[in-house]
Amino acid sequence: MFDIKNSRDFLAKLYEDYDELAKKRDSVRLAINAALTAYHLAEWVWGDWLKTDYATWRALGIRDEEGFKAWLDAQPTFFADMQRIANGSKHFIRQVSQSTQ
């Protein structure tokens, strides 16, 4: 897929997305793109190396990908917010909360 071959490449994409957003903070397109990348980074990390790194599983207290995502939800990384944006961006939901306005 283009020049993204592993989770490190996908993280580099996130940095680029964020840099673009920082220059144009009012861009909904750039904000959603950065959020999508941030959320899906977890899947790249899992698929690239974490799914077989049992030492890290033990260190994090996880047993599978869902456990990894639950662990991320408990961290102060805004993972759950990125998940809501990622899911919301693919569904037509016209109800807008005050915080997203």
C-alpha atoms as a PDB file:
ATOM      1  CA  MET A   1       0.000   0.000   0.000  1.00  0.00           C
ATOM      2  CA  PHE A   2       1.871   3.019  -1.299  1.00  0.00           C
ATOM      3  CA  ASP A   3       5.016   3.373   0.797  1.00  0.00           C
ATOM      4  CA  ILE A   4       3.457   2.280   4.095  1.00  0.00           C
ATOM      5  CA  LYS A   5       4.865  -1.144   4.902  1.00  0.00           C
ATOM      6  CA  ASN A   6       4.741  -1.355   8.702  1.00  0.00           C
ATOM      7  CA  SER A   7       3.527   0.367  11.846  1.00  0.00           C
ATOM      8  CA  ARG A   8       6.551   2.677  11.914  1.00  0.00           C
ATOM      9  CA  ASP A   9       5.632   3.950   8.434  1.00  0.00           C
ATOM     10  CA  PHE A  10       2.028   4.393   9.561  1.00  0.00           C
ATOM     11  CA  LEU A  11       3.207   6.368  12.598  1.00  0.00           C
ATOM     12  CA  ALA A  12       5.199   8.601  10.235  1.00  0.00           C
ATOM     13  CA  LYS A  13       1.944   9.176   8.316  1.00  0.00           C
ATOM     14  CA  LEU A  14       0.281  10.233  11.584  1.00  0.00           C
ATOM     15  CA  TYR A  15       3.061  12.746  12.246  1.00  0.00           C
ATOM     16  CA  GLU A  16       2.628  14.163   8.742  1.00  0.00           C
ATOM     17  CA  ASP A  17      -1.154  14.324   9.174  1.00  0.00           C
ATOM     18  CA  TYR A  18      -0.773  16.140  12.475  1.00  0.00           C
ATOM     19  CA  ASP A  19       1.781  18.592  11.058  1.00  0.00           C
ATOM     20  CA  GLU A  20      -0.640  19.479   8.252  1.00  0.00           C
ATOM     21  CA  LEU A  21      -3.500  19.888  10.729  1.00  0.00           C
ATOM     22  CA  ALA A  22      -1.372  22.110  12.984  1.00  0.00           C
ATOM     23  CA  LYS A  23      -0.920  24.501  10.043  1.00  0.00           C
ATOM     24  CA  LYS A  24      -4.642  24.591   9.244  1.00  0.00           C
ATOM     25  CA  ARG A  25      -6.540  23.869  12.469  1.00  0.00           C
ATOM     26  CA  ASP A  26      -9.930  24.725  11.005  1.00  0.00           C
ATOM     27  CA  SER A  27      -9.784  21.977   8.356  1.00  0.00           C
ATOM     28  CA  VAL A  28     -12.346  19.280   9.064  1.00  0.00           C
ATOM     29  CA  ARG A  29     -10.783  17.120   6.334  1.00  0.00           C
ATOM     30  CA  LEU A  30      -7.353  17.248   7.942  1.00  0.00           C
ATOM     31  CA  ALA A  31      -8.794  16.680  11.430  1.00  0.00           C
ATOM     32  CA  ILE A  32     -10.747  13.596  10.378  1.00  0.00           C
ATOM     33  CA  ASN A  33      -7.765  12.251   8.440  1.00  0.00           C
ATOM     34  CA  ALA A  34      -5.502  12.634  11.479  1.00  0.00           C
ATOM     35  CA  ALA A  35      -8.093  10.997  13.737  1.00  0.00           C
ATOM     36  CA  LEU A  36      -8.543   8.063  11.351  1.00  0.00           C
ATOM     37  CA  THR A  37      -4.808   7.534  11.178  1.00  0.00           C
ATOM     38  CA  ALA A  38      -4.436   7.810  14.965  1.00  0.00           C
ATOM     39  CA  TYR A  39      -7.162   5.248  15.594  1.00  0.00           C
ATOM     40  CA  HIS A  40      -5.995   2.767  12.955  1.00  0.00           C
ATOM     41  CA  LEU A  41      -2.403   2.942  14.150  1.00  0.00           C
ATOM     42  CA  ALA A  42      -3.409   0.434  16.842  1.00  0.00           C
ATOM     43  CA  GLU A  43      -4.357  -2.091  14.157  1.00  0.00           C
ATOM     44  CA  TRP A  44      -1.046  -1.550  12.384  1.00  0.00           C
ATOM     45  CA  VAL A  45       0.885  -2.039  15.635  1.00  0.00           C
ATOM     46  CA  TRP A  46      -1.088  -5.182  16.405  1.00  0.00           C
ATOM     47  CA  GLY A  47      -0.714  -6.678  12.933  1.00  0.00           C
ATOM     48  CA  ASP A  48       2.896  -5.638  12.469  1.00  0.00           C
ATOM     49  CA  TRP A  49       4.429  -6.984  15.664  1.00  0.00           C
ATOM     50  CA  LEU A  50       2.302  -6.979  18.803  1.00  0.00           C
ATOM     51  CA  LYS A  51       0.141  -9.985  17.888  1.00  0.00           C
ATOM     52  CA  THR A  52       3.188 -12.227  18.464  1.00  0.00           C
ATOM     53  CA  ASP A  53       5.051 -10.246  21.139  1.00  0.00           C
ATOM     54  CA  TYR A  54       3.940 -12.215  24.178  1.00  0.00           C
ATOM     55  CA  ALA A  55       6.385 -10.462  26.504  1.00  0.00           C
ATOM     56  CA  THR A  56       4.619  -7.174  25.747  1.00  0.00           C
ATOM     57  CA  TRP A  57       1.252  -8.880  26.243  1.00  0.00           C
ATOM     58  CA  ARG A  58       2.342  -9.867  29.744  1.00  0.00           C
ATOM     59  CA  ALA A  59       3.706  -6.376  30.453  1.00  0.00           C
ATOM     60  CA  LEU A  60       0.444  -4.753  29.343  1.00  0.00           C
ATOM     61  CA  GLY A  61      -1.783  -7.424  30.880  1.00  0.00           C
ATOM     62  CA  ILE A  62      -3.514  -8.253  27.585  1.00  0.00           C
ATOM     63  CA  ARG A  63      -4.454 -11.507  25.828  1.00  0.00           C
ATOM     64  CA  ASP A  64      -5.643 -10.435  22.386  1.00  0.00           C
ATOM     65  CA  GLU A  65      -6.314  -7.476  20.091  1.00  0.00           C
ATOM     66  CA  GLU A  66      -9.501  -6.511  21.929  1.00  0.00           C
ATOM     67  CA  GLY A  67      -7.543  -6.521  25.182  1.00  0.00           C
ATOM     68  CA  PHE A  68      -4.949  -4.284  23.559  1.00  0.00           C
ATOM     69  CA  LYS A  69      -7.635  -1.829  22.455  1.00  0.00           C
ATOM     70  CA  ALA A  70      -9.177  -1.917  25.938  1.00  0.00           C
ATOM     71  CA  TRP A  71      -5.726  -1.175  27.371  1.00  0.00           C
ATOM     72  CA  LEU A  72      -5.426   1.777  24.969  1.00  0.00           C
ATOM     73  CA  ASP A  73      -8.865   3.019  26.071  1.00  0.00           C
ATOM     74  CA  ALA A  74      -7.587   3.159  29.648  1.00  0.00           C
ATOM     75  CA  GLN A  75      -4.528   5.254  28.712  1.00  0.00           C
ATOM     76  CA  PRO A  76      -4.543   9.069  28.502  1.00  0.00           C
ATOM     77  CA  THR A  77      -4.050   8.885  24.717  1.00  0.00           C
ATOM     78  CA  PHE A  78      -7.546   9.910  23.546  1.00  0.00           C
ATOM     79  CA  PHE A  79      -7.859   6.525  21.796  1.00  0.00           C
ATOM     80  CA  ALA A  80     -11.578   6.289  22.577  1.00  0.00           C
ATOM     81  CA  ASP A  81     -12.134   9.773  21.094  1.00  0.00           C
ATOM     82  CA  MET A  82     -10.288   8.786  17.911  1.00  0.00           C
ATOM     83  CA  GLN A  83     -12.426   5.646  17.717  1.00  0.00           C
ATOM     84  CA  ARG A  84     -15.626   7.707  17.979  1.00  0.00           C
ATOM     85  CA  ILE A  85     -14.421  10.068  15.231  1.00  0.00           C
ATOM     86  CA  ALA A  86     -13.351   7.163  13.005  1.00  0.00           C
ATOM     87  CA  ASN A  87     -16.679   5.404  13.429  1.00  0.00           C
ATOM     88  CA  GLY A  88     -18.673   8.625  13.141  1.00  0.00           C
ATOM     89  CA  SER A  89     -16.914   9.633   9.939  1.00  0.00           C
ATOM     90  CA  LYS A  90     -18.087   6.504   8.128  1.00  0.00           C
ATOM     91  CA  HIS A  91     -21.732   6.786   9.181  1.00  0.00           C
ATOM     92  CA  PHE A  92     -24.237   9.473   8.322  1.00  0.00           C
ATOM     93  CA  ILE A  93     -25.260  10.869  11.702  1.00  0.00           C
ATOM     94  CA  ARG A  94     -26.658  14.405  11.588  1.00  0.00           C
ATOM     95  CA  GLN A  95     -26.940  14.861  15.347  1.00  0.00           C
ATOM     96  CA  VAL A  96     -24.103  17.171  16.337  1.00  0.00           C
ATOM     97  CA  SER A  97     -23.124  17.569  19.945  1.00  0.00           C
ATOM     98  CA  GLN A  98     -22.165  20.960  21.299  1.00  0.00           C
ATOM     99  CA  SER A  99     -18.570  19.774  21.810  1.00  0.00           C
ATOM    100  CA  THR A 100     -18.112  18.901  18.125  1.00  0.00           C
ATOM    101  CA  GLN A 101     -19.465  22.238  16.934  1.00  0.00           C
END
